[in-house]
């Protein structure tokens, strides 16, 4: 089974928190902050959303930066995902 978002929605899989600092110190689980970075796992079809025609520019596999608040957290088949509108994504991370 696969998630298929509707309209201008995207499904994100949030990246895991870092367990060590850049200098090599090990962080306890309480001091690990979840990053605001995620991988796009599914993209809606876009199209007419309200009175606006939305073209989807994100695609599966894109790495994105999203705001700390504003996503809907869901659990699907034992995995945690975030669902939000494409317009709420802040940036695409390019290598």
PDB file of N, CA and C in Angstrom:
ATOM      1  N   UNK A   1       0.838  -1.174   0.000  1.00  0.00           N
ATOM      2  CA  UNK A   1       0.000   0.000   0.000  1.00  0.00           C
ATOM      3  C   UNK A   1       0.886   1.241   0.000  1.00  0.00           C
ATOM      4  N   UNK A   2       0.454   2.276  -0.689  1.00  0.00           N
ATOM      5  CA  UNK A   2       1.239   3.497  -0.819  1.00  0.00           C
ATOM      6  C   UNK A   2       0.369   4.702  -0.513  1.00  0.00           C
ATOM      7  N   UNK A   3       0.963   5.720   0.079  1.00  0.00           N
ATOM      8  CA  UNK A   3       0.257   6.968   0.321  1.00  0.00           C
ATOM      9  C   UNK A   3       0.194   7.770  -0.977  1.00  0.00           C
ATOM     10  N   UNK A   4      -0.966   8.296  -1.304  1.00  0.00           N
ATOM     11  CA  UNK A   4      -1.140   9.132  -2.496  1.00  0.00           C
ATOM     12  C   UNK A   4      -1.829  10.424  -2.056  1.00  0.00           C
ATOM     13  N   UNK A   5      -1.052  11.498  -1.828  1.00  0.00           N
ATOM     14  CA  UNK A   5      -1.653  12.741  -1.368  1.00  0.00           C
ATOM     15  C   UNK A   5      -2.541  13.378  -2.434  1.00  0.00           C
ATOM     16  N   UNK A   6      -3.501  14.160  -1.986  1.00  0.00           N
ATOM     17  CA  UNK A   6      -4.436  14.830  -2.877  1.00  0.00           C
ATOM     18  C   UNK A   6      -4.016  16.275  -3.117  1.00  0.00           C
ATOM     19  N   UNK A   7      -4.467  16.821  -4.238  1.00  0.00           N
ATOM     20  CA  UNK A   7      -4.246  18.243  -4.537  1.00  0.00           C
ATOM     21  C   UNK A   7      -2.792  18.647  -4.484  1.00  0.00           C
ATOM     22  N   UNK A   8      -2.514  19.700  -3.728  1.00  0.00           N
ATOM     23  CA  UNK A   8      -1.154  20.251  -3.655  1.00  0.00           C
ATOM     24  C   UNK A   8      -0.385  19.766  -2.434  1.00  0.00           C
ATOM     25  N   UNK A   9      -0.754  18.602  -1.913  1.00  0.00           N
ATOM     26  CA  UNK A   9      -0.099  18.066  -0.711  1.00  0.00           C
ATOM     27  C   UNK A   9       1.110  17.210  -1.076  1.00  0.00           C
ATOM     28  N   UNK A  10       2.080  17.163  -0.147  1.00  0.00           N
ATOM     29  CA  UNK A  10       3.241  16.289  -0.285  1.00  0.00           C
ATOM     30  C   UNK A  10       3.401  15.503   1.017  1.00  0.00           C
ATOM     31  N   UNK A  11       3.940  14.294   0.913  1.00  0.00           N
ATOM     32  CA  UNK A  11       4.215  13.464   2.078  1.00  0.00           C
ATOM     33  C   UNK A  11       5.727  13.458   2.269  1.00  0.00           C
ATOM     34  N   UNK A  12       6.155  13.738   3.505  1.00  0.00           N
ATOM     35  CA  UNK A  12       7.578  13.838   3.819  1.00  0.00           C
ATOM     36  C   UNK A  12       7.965  12.808   4.865  1.00  0.00           C
ATOM     37  N   UNK A  13       9.198  12.327   4.767  1.00  0.00           N
ATOM     38  CA  UNK A  13       9.787  11.464   5.794  1.00  0.00           C
ATOM     39  C   UNK A  13      10.909  12.282   6.421  1.00  0.00           C
ATOM     40  N   UNK A  14      10.703  12.670   7.690  1.00  0.00           N
ATOM     41  CA  UNK A  14      11.670  13.523   8.363  1.00  0.00           C
ATOM     42  C   UNK A  14      12.974  12.770   8.601  1.00  0.00           C
ATOM     43  N   UNK A  15      14.104  13.458   8.385  1.00  0.00           N
ATOM     44  CA  UNK A  15      15.413  12.848   8.626  1.00  0.00           C
ATOM     45  C   UNK A  15      15.627  12.670  10.118  1.00  0.00           C
ATOM     46  N   UNK A  16      16.444  11.709  10.475  1.00  0.00           N
ATOM     47  CA  UNK A  16      16.719  11.403  11.880  1.00  0.00           C
ATOM     48  C   UNK A  16      17.626  12.463  12.489  1.00  0.00           C
ATOM     49  N   UNK A  17      17.517  12.631  13.801  1.00  0.00           N
ATOM     50  CA  UNK A  17      18.360  13.577  14.530  1.00  0.00           C
ATOM     51  C   UNK A  17      19.795  13.059  14.579  1.00  0.00           C
ATOM     52  N   UNK A  18      20.721  13.995  14.563  1.00  0.00           N
ATOM     53  CA  UNK A  18      22.137  13.635  14.663  1.00  0.00           C
ATOM     54  C   UNK A  18      22.429  13.099  16.060  1.00  0.00           C
ATOM     55  N   UNK A  19      23.241  12.058  16.134  1.00  0.00           N
ATOM     56  CA  UNK A  19      23.583  11.474  17.423  1.00  0.00           C
ATOM     57  C   UNK A  19      24.908  11.989  17.962  1.00  0.00           C
ATOM     58  N   UNK A  20      25.692  12.652  17.096  1.00  0.00           N
ATOM     59  CA  UNK A  20      26.951  13.240  17.535  1.00  0.00           C
ATOM     60  C   UNK A  20      27.066  14.650  16.980  1.00  0.00           C
ATOM     61  N   UNK A  21      27.838  15.483  17.662  1.00  0.00           N
ATOM     62  CA  UNK A  21      28.104  16.827  17.163  1.00  0.00           C
ATOM     63  C   UNK A  21      29.203  16.748  16.115  1.00  0.00           C
ATOM     64  N   UNK A  22      29.465  17.861  15.445  1.00  0.00           N
ATOM     65  CA  UNK A  22      30.527  17.886  14.433  1.00  0.00           C
ATOM     66  C   UNK A  22      31.887  17.593  15.045  1.00  0.00           C
ATOM     67  N   UNK A  23      32.057  17.941  16.324  1.00  0.00           N
ATOM     68  CA  UNK A  23      33.335  17.685  16.990  1.00  0.00           C
ATOM     69  C   UNK A  23      33.430  16.277  17.571  1.00  0.00           C
ATOM     70  N   UNK A  24      32.353  15.470  17.445  1.00  0.00           N
ATOM     71  CA  UNK A  24      32.410  14.085  17.865  1.00  0.00           C
ATOM     72  C   UNK A  24      31.770  13.778  19.205  1.00  0.00           C
ATOM     73  N   UNK A  25      31.197  14.789  19.862  1.00  0.00           N
ATOM     74  CA  UNK A  25      30.534  14.534  21.147  1.00  0.00           C
ATOM     75  C   UNK A  25      29.226  13.791  20.914  1.00  0.00           C
ATOM     76  N   UNK A  26      28.951  12.813  21.744  1.00  0.00           N
ATOM     77  CA  UNK A  26      27.722  12.027  21.634  1.00  0.00           C
ATOM     78  C   UNK A  26      26.611  12.756  22.369  1.00  0.00           C
ATOM     79  N   UNK A  27      25.470  12.945  21.695  1.00  0.00           N
ATOM     80  CA  UNK A  27      24.330  13.643  22.282  1.00  0.00           C
ATOM     81  C   UNK A  27      23.369  12.642  22.918  1.00  0.00           C
ATOM     82  N   UNK A  28      22.812  13.010  24.061  1.00  0.00           N
ATOM     83  CA  UNK A  28      21.779  12.174  24.665  1.00  0.00           C
ATOM     84  C   UNK A  28      20.499  12.350  23.860  1.00  0.00           C
ATOM     85  N   UNK A  29      19.583  11.414  23.963  1.00  0.00           N
ATOM     86  CA  UNK A  29      18.350  11.498  23.182  1.00  0.00           C
ATOM     87  C   UNK A  29      17.532  12.732  23.539  1.00  0.00           C
ATOM     88  N   UNK A  30      17.621  13.218  24.774  1.00  0.00           N
ATOM     89  CA  UNK A  30      16.854  14.399  25.163  1.00  0.00           C
ATOM     90  C   UNK A  30      17.428  15.682  24.564  1.00  0.00           C
ATOM     91  N   UNK A  31      18.711  15.701  24.209  1.00  0.00           N
ATOM     92  CA  UNK A  31      19.302  16.913  23.644  1.00  0.00           C
ATOM     93  C   UNK A  31      19.364  16.883  22.121  1.00  0.00           C
ATOM     94  N   UNK A  32      18.932  15.782  21.520  1.00  0.00           N
ATOM     95  CA  UNK A  32      18.914  15.693  20.058  1.00  0.00           C
ATOM     96  C   UNK A  32      17.698  16.440  19.532  1.00  0.00           C
ATOM     97  N   UNK A  33      17.937  17.341  18.614  1.00  0.00           N
ATOM     98  CA  UNK A  33      16.843  18.097  18.016  1.00  0.00           C
ATOM     99  C   UNK A  33      16.549  17.531  16.631  1.00  0.00           C
ATOM    100  N   UNK A  34      15.273  17.266  16.362  1.00  0.00           N
ATOM    101  CA  UNK A  34      14.913  16.748  15.041  1.00  0.00           C
ATOM    102  C   UNK A  34      15.179  17.827  14.003  1.00  0.00           C
ATOM    103  N   UNK A  35      15.818  17.467  12.915  1.00  0.00           N
ATOM    104  CA  UNK A  35      16.088  18.462  11.877  1.00  0.00           C
ATOM    105  C   UNK A  35      14.808  18.858  11.149  1.00  0.00           C
ATOM    106  N   UNK A  36      14.846  20.026  10.539  1.00  0.00           N
ATOM    107  CA  UNK A  36      13.725  20.506   9.740  1.00  0.00           C
ATOM    108  C   UNK A  36      13.954  20.128   8.285  1.00  0.00           C
ATOM    109  N   UNK A  37      14.583  18.986   8.092  1.00  0.00           N
ATOM    110  CA  UNK A  37      14.910  18.494   6.768  1.00  0.00           C
ATOM    111  C   UNK A  37      14.213  17.157   6.563  1.00  0.00           C
ATOM    112  N   UNK A  38      13.721  16.932   5.343  1.00  0.00           N
ATOM    113  CA  UNK A  38      12.979  15.707   5.072  1.00  0.00           C
ATOM    114  C   UNK A  38      13.164  15.291   3.618  1.00  0.00           C
ATOM    115  N   UNK A  39      12.773  14.056   3.335  1.00  0.00           N
ATOM    116  CA  UNK A  39      12.765  13.519   1.985  1.00  0.00           C
ATOM    117  C   UNK A  39      11.314  13.430   1.528  1.00  0.00           C
ATOM    118  N   UNK A  40      11.047  13.872   0.301  1.00  0.00           N
ATOM    119  CA  UNK A  40       9.703  13.779  -0.263  1.00  0.00           C
ATOM    120  C   UNK A  40       9.466  12.325  -0.677  1.00  0.00           C
ATOM    121  N   UNK A  41       8.404  11.713  -0.138  1.00  0.00           N
ATOM    122  CA  UNK A  41       8.106  10.322  -0.479  1.00  0.00           C
ATOM    123  C   UNK A  41       6.902  10.196  -1.406  1.00  0.00           C
ATOM    124  N   UNK A  42       6.061  11.232  -1.476  1.00  0.00           N
ATOM    125  CA  UNK A  42       4.911  11.204  -2.386  1.00  0.00           C
ATOM    126  C   UNK A  42       4.463  12.635  -2.659  1.00  0.00           C
ATOM    127  N   UNK A  43       3.971  12.856  -3.878  1.00  0.00           N
ATOM    128  CA  UNK A  43       3.538  14.189  -4.311  1.00  0.00           C
ATOM    129  C   UNK A  43       2.146  14.084  -4.908  1.00  0.00           C
ATOM    130  N   UNK A  44       1.272  15.013  -4.505  1.00  0.00           N
ATOM    131  CA  UNK A  44      -0.072  15.058  -5.067  1.00  0.00           C
ATOM    132  C   UNK A  44      -0.048  15.504  -6.518  1.00  0.00           C
ATOM    133  N   UNK A  45      -1.191  15.429  -7.203  1.00  0.00           N
ATOM    134  CA  UNK A  45      -1.247  15.763  -8.621  1.00  0.00           C
ATOM    135  C   UNK A  45      -1.253  17.257  -8.928  1.00  0.00           C
ATOM    136  N   UNK A  46      -1.475  18.091  -7.916  1.00  0.00           N
ATOM    137  CA  UNK A  46      -1.583  19.530  -8.185  1.00  0.00           C
ATOM    138  C   UNK A  46      -2.902  19.828  -8.853  1.00  0.00           C
ATOM    139  N   UNK A  47      -2.875  20.670  -9.861  1.00  0.00           N
ATOM    140  CA  UNK A  47      -4.109  21.010 -10.564  1.00  0.00           C
ATOM    141  C   UNK A  47      -4.832  22.162  -9.902  1.00  0.00           C
ATOM    142  N   UNK A  48      -6.113  22.238 -10.097  1.00  0.00           N
ATOM    143  CA  UNK A  48      -6.922  23.326  -9.575  1.00  0.00           C
ATOM    144  C   UNK A  48      -7.196  23.091  -8.088  1.00  0.00           C
ATOM    145  N   UNK A  49      -6.646  23.975  -7.254  1.00  0.00           N
ATOM    146  CA  UNK A  49      -6.863  23.920  -5.814  1.00  0.00           C
ATOM    147  C   UNK A  49      -7.542  25.228  -5.436  1.00  0.00           C
ATOM    148  N   UNK A  50      -8.840  25.155  -5.153  1.00  0.00           N
ATOM    149  CA  UNK A  50      -9.614  26.379  -4.956  1.00  0.00           C
ATOM    150  C   UNK A  50      -9.746  27.072  -6.299  1.00  0.00           C
ATOM    151  N   UNK A  51      -9.326  28.327  -6.365  1.00  0.00           N
ATOM    152  CA  UNK A  51      -9.360  29.086  -7.619  1.00  0.00           C
ATOM    153  C   UNK A  51      -7.993  29.186  -8.276  1.00  0.00           C
ATOM    154  N   UNK A  52      -7.001  28.484  -7.721  1.00  0.00           N
ATOM    155  CA  UNK A  52      -5.621  28.602  -8.198  1.00  0.00           C
ATOM    156  C   UNK A  52      -5.164  27.295  -8.831  1.00  0.00           C
ATOM    157  N   UNK A  53      -4.514  27.392  -9.987  1.00  0.00           N
ATOM    158  CA  UNK A  53      -3.927  26.223 -10.640  1.00  0.00           C
ATOM    159  C   UNK A  53      -2.525  26.018 -10.072  1.00  0.00           C
ATOM    160  N   UNK A  54      -2.312  24.900  -9.382  1.00  0.00           N
ATOM    161  CA  UNK A  54      -1.036  24.622  -8.726  1.00  0.00           C
ATOM    162  C   UNK A  54      -0.242  23.620  -9.547  1.00  0.00           C
ATOM    163  N   UNK A  55       0.969  24.029  -9.936  1.00  0.00           N
ATOM    164  CA  UNK A  55       1.886  23.129 -10.641  1.00  0.00           C
ATOM    165  C   UNK A  55       2.851  22.557  -9.608  1.00  0.00           C
ATOM    166  N   UNK A  56       2.954  21.253  -9.548  1.00  0.00           N
ATOM    167  CA  UNK A  56       3.828  20.613  -8.569  1.00  0.00           C
ATOM    168  C   UNK A  56       5.270  20.627  -9.085  1.00  0.00           C
ATOM    169  N   UNK A  57       6.155  21.262  -8.313  1.00  0.00           N
ATOM    170  CA  UNK A  57       7.561  21.329  -8.691  1.00  0.00           C
ATOM    171  C   UNK A  57       8.400  20.315  -7.913  1.00  0.00           C
ATOM    172  N   UNK A  58       7.876  19.836  -6.793  1.00  0.00           N
ATOM    173  CA  UNK A  58       8.586  18.813  -6.021  1.00  0.00           C
ATOM    174  C   UNK A  58       8.364  17.447  -6.639  1.00  0.00           C
ATOM    175  N   UNK A  59       9.331  16.565  -6.423  1.00  0.00           N
ATOM    176  CA  UNK A  59       9.190  15.193  -6.907  1.00  0.00           C
ATOM    177  C   UNK A  59       9.710  14.252  -5.831  1.00  0.00           C
ATOM    178  N   UNK A  60       9.324  12.996  -5.930  1.00  0.00           N
ATOM    179  CA  UNK A  60       9.778  12.005  -4.967  1.00  0.00           C
ATOM    180  C   UNK A  60      11.303  11.975  -4.937  1.00  0.00           C
ATOM    181  N   UNK A  61      11.853  11.900  -3.729  1.00  0.00           N
ATOM    182  CA  UNK A  61      13.303  11.845  -3.559  1.00  0.00           C
ATOM    183  C   UNK A  61      13.933  13.198  -3.290  1.00  0.00           C
ATOM    184  N   UNK A  62      13.209  14.308  -3.519  1.00  0.00           N
ATOM    185  CA  UNK A  62      13.758  15.633  -3.225  1.00  0.00           C
ATOM    186  C   UNK A  62      14.010  15.762  -1.729  1.00  0.00           C
ATOM    187  N   UNK A  63      15.101  16.430  -1.390  1.00  0.00           N
ATOM    188  CA  UNK A  63      15.401  16.740   0.005  1.00  0.00           C
ATOM    189  C   UNK A  63      14.969  18.179   0.226  1.00  0.00           C
ATOM    190  N   UNK A  64      14.145  18.425   1.243  1.00  0.00           N
ATOM    191  CA  UNK A  64      13.562  19.749   1.444  1.00  0.00           C
ATOM    192  C   UNK A  64      13.724  20.223   2.881  1.00  0.00           C
ATOM    193  N   UNK A  65      13.589  21.535   3.048  1.00  0.00           N
ATOM    194  CA  UNK A  65      13.549  22.182   4.354  1.00  0.00           C
ATOM    195  C   UNK A  65      12.111  22.627   4.569  1.00  0.00           C
ATOM    196  N   UNK A  66      11.560  22.327   5.739  1.00  0.00           N
ATOM    197  CA  UNK A  66      10.175  22.690   6.018  1.00  0.00           C
ATOM    198  C   UNK A  66      10.100  23.458   7.338  1.00  0.00           C
ATOM    199  N   UNK A  67       9.036  24.228   7.561  1.00  0.00           N
ATOM    200  CA  UNK A  67       8.911  24.983   8.810  1.00  0.00           C
ATOM    201  C   UNK A  67       8.686  24.052   9.994  1.00  0.00           C
ATOM    202  N   UNK A  68       9.080  24.501  11.152  1.00  0.00           N
ATOM    203  CA  UNK A  68       8.964  23.686  12.365  1.00  0.00           C
ATOM    204  C   UNK A  68       7.505  23.327  12.655  1.00  0.00           C
ATOM    205  N   UNK A  69       6.598  24.229  12.368  1.00  0.00           N
ATOM    206  CA  UNK A  69       5.174  23.980  12.620  1.00  0.00           C
ATOM    207  C   UNK A  69       4.416  24.077  11.305  1.00  0.00           C
ATOM    208  N   UNK A  70       3.293  23.429  11.211  1.00  0.00           N
ATOM    209  CA  UNK A  70       2.470  23.541  10.011  1.00  0.00           C
ATOM    210  C   UNK A  70       2.243  22.231   9.290  1.00  0.00           C
ATOM    211  N   UNK A  71       2.996  21.207   9.639  1.00  0.00           N
ATOM    212  CA  UNK A  71       2.801  19.908   8.998  1.00  0.00           C
ATOM    213  C   UNK A  71       1.865  19.057   9.851  1.00  0.00           C
ATOM    214  N   UNK A  72       1.129  18.180   9.197  1.00  0.00           N
ATOM    215  CA  UNK A  72       0.281  17.214   9.895  1.00  0.00           C
ATOM    216  C   UNK A  72       1.072  15.927  10.048  1.00  0.00           C
ATOM    217  N   UNK A  73       1.227  15.463  11.276  1.00  0.00           N
ATOM    218  CA  UNK A  73       1.961  14.227  11.526  1.00  0.00           C
ATOM    219  C   UNK A  73       0.995  13.055  11.426  1.00  0.00           C
ATOM    220  N   UNK A  74       1.404  12.033  10.676  1.00  0.00           N
ATOM    221  CA  UNK A  74       0.576  10.837  10.550  1.00  0.00           C
ATOM    222  C   UNK A  74       1.438   9.603  10.758  1.00  0.00           C
ATOM    223  N   UNK A  75       0.796   8.512  11.096  1.00  0.00           N
ATOM    224  CA  UNK A  75       1.465   7.224  11.202  1.00  0.00           C
ATOM    225  C   UNK A  75       0.795   6.312  10.193  1.00  0.00           C
ATOM    226  N   UNK A  76       1.589   5.685   9.320  1.00  0.00           N
ATOM    227  CA  UNK A  76       1.064   4.825   8.273  1.00  0.00           C
ATOM    228  C   UNK A  76       1.937   3.588   8.192  1.00  0.00           C
ATOM    229  N   UNK A  77       1.328   2.437   8.392  1.00  0.00           N
ATOM    230  CA  UNK A  77       2.032   1.157   8.376  1.00  0.00           C
ATOM    231  C   UNK A  77       3.268   1.169   9.266  1.00  0.00           C
ATOM    232  N   UNK A  78       3.107   1.736  10.477  1.00  0.00           N
ATOM    233  CA  UNK A  78       4.181   1.744  11.462  1.00  0.00           C
ATOM    234  C   UNK A  78       5.245   2.807  11.274  1.00  0.00           C
ATOM    235  N   UNK A  79       5.160   3.609  10.230  1.00  0.00           N
ATOM    236  CA  UNK A  79       6.138   4.671   9.963  1.00  0.00           C
ATOM    237  C   UNK A  79       5.490   6.035  10.218  1.00  0.00           C
ATOM    238  N   UNK A  80       6.299   7.005  10.640  1.00  0.00           N
ATOM    239  CA  UNK A  80       5.804   8.361  10.857  1.00  0.00           C
ATOM    240  C   UNK A  80       6.134   9.233   9.644  1.00  0.00           C
ATOM    241  N   UNK A  81       5.141  10.000   9.221  1.00  0.00           N
ATOM    242  CA  UNK A  81       5.281  10.889   8.069  1.00  0.00           C
ATOM    243  C   UNK A  81       4.714  12.260   8.412  1.00  0.00           C
ATOM    244  N   UNK A  82       5.078  13.235   7.596  1.00  0.00           N
ATOM    245  CA  UNK A  82       4.515  14.580   7.672  1.00  0.00           C
ATOM    246  C   UNK A  82       3.791  14.842   6.359  1.00  0.00           C
ATOM    247  N   UNK A  83       2.625  15.489   6.434  1.00  0.00           N
ATOM    248  CA  UNK A  83       1.884  15.872   5.234  1.00  0.00           C
ATOM    249  C   UNK A  83       1.688  17.376   5.291  1.00  0.00           C
ATOM    250  N   UNK A  84       2.018  18.055   4.192  1.00  0.00           N
ATOM    251  CA  UNK A  84       1.838  19.505   4.132  1.00  0.00           C
ATOM    252  C   UNK A  84       1.663  19.962   2.696  1.00  0.00           C
ATOM    253  N   UNK A  85       1.225  21.185   2.535  1.00  0.00           N
ATOM    254  CA  UNK A  85       1.053  21.752   1.201  1.00  0.00           C
ATOM    255  C   UNK A  85       2.422  22.069   0.601  1.00  0.00           C
ATOM    256  N   UNK A  86       2.557  21.893  -0.696  1.00  0.00           N
ATOM    257  CA  UNK A  86       3.818  22.211  -1.369  1.00  0.00           C
ATOM    258  C   UNK A  86       4.214  23.660  -1.109  1.00  0.00           C
ATOM    259  N   UNK A  87       3.244  24.554  -1.082  1.00  0.00           N
ATOM    260  CA  UNK A  87       3.506  25.977  -0.892  1.00  0.00           C
ATOM    261  C   UNK A  87       4.148  26.277   0.460  1.00  0.00           C
ATOM    262  N   UNK A  88       3.985  25.375   1.439  1.00  0.00           N
ATOM    263  CA  UNK A  88       4.552  25.586   2.771  1.00  0.00           C
ATOM    264  C   UNK A  88       5.997  25.118   2.888  1.00  0.00           C
ATOM    265  N   UNK A  89       6.499  24.388   1.904  1.00  0.00           N
ATOM    266  CA  UNK A  89       7.900  23.953   1.904  1.00  0.00           C
ATOM    267  C   UNK A  89       8.778  25.186   1.695  1.00  0.00           C
ATOM    268  N   UNK A  90       9.838  25.311   2.497  1.00  0.00           N
ATOM    269  CA  UNK A  90      10.678  26.499   2.448  1.00  0.00           C
ATOM    270  C   UNK A  90      11.745  26.448   1.362  1.00  0.00           C
ATOM    271  N   UNK A  91      12.352  25.270   1.141  1.00  0.00           N
ATOM    272  CA  UNK A  91      13.461  25.201   0.186  1.00  0.00           C
ATOM    273  C   UNK A  91      13.718  23.750  -0.224  1.00  0.00           C
ATOM    274  N   UNK A  92      14.337  23.600  -1.385  1.00  0.00           N
ATOM    275  CA  UNK A  92      14.846  22.297  -1.839  1.00  0.00           C
ATOM    276  C   UNK A  92      16.349  22.315  -1.600  1.00  0.00           C
ATOM    277  N   UNK A  93      16.885  21.242  -1.022  1.00  0.00           N
ATOM    278  CA  UNK A  93      18.325  21.137  -0.777  1.00  0.00           C
ATOM    279  C   UNK A  93      18.953  20.531  -2.025  1.00  0.00           C
ATOM    280  N   UNK A  94      19.880  21.263  -2.636  1.00  0.00           N
ATOM    281  CA  UNK A  94      20.560  20.768  -3.833  1.00  0.00           C
ATOM    282  C   UNK A  94      22.016  20.517  -3.510  1.00  0.00           C
ATOM    283  N   UNK A  95      22.547  19.447  -4.072  1.00  0.00           N
ATOM    284  CA  UNK A  95      23.970  19.109  -3.836  1.00  0.00           C
ATOM    285  C   UNK A  95      24.876  19.872  -4.754  1.00  0.00           C
TER     286      UNK A  95
END
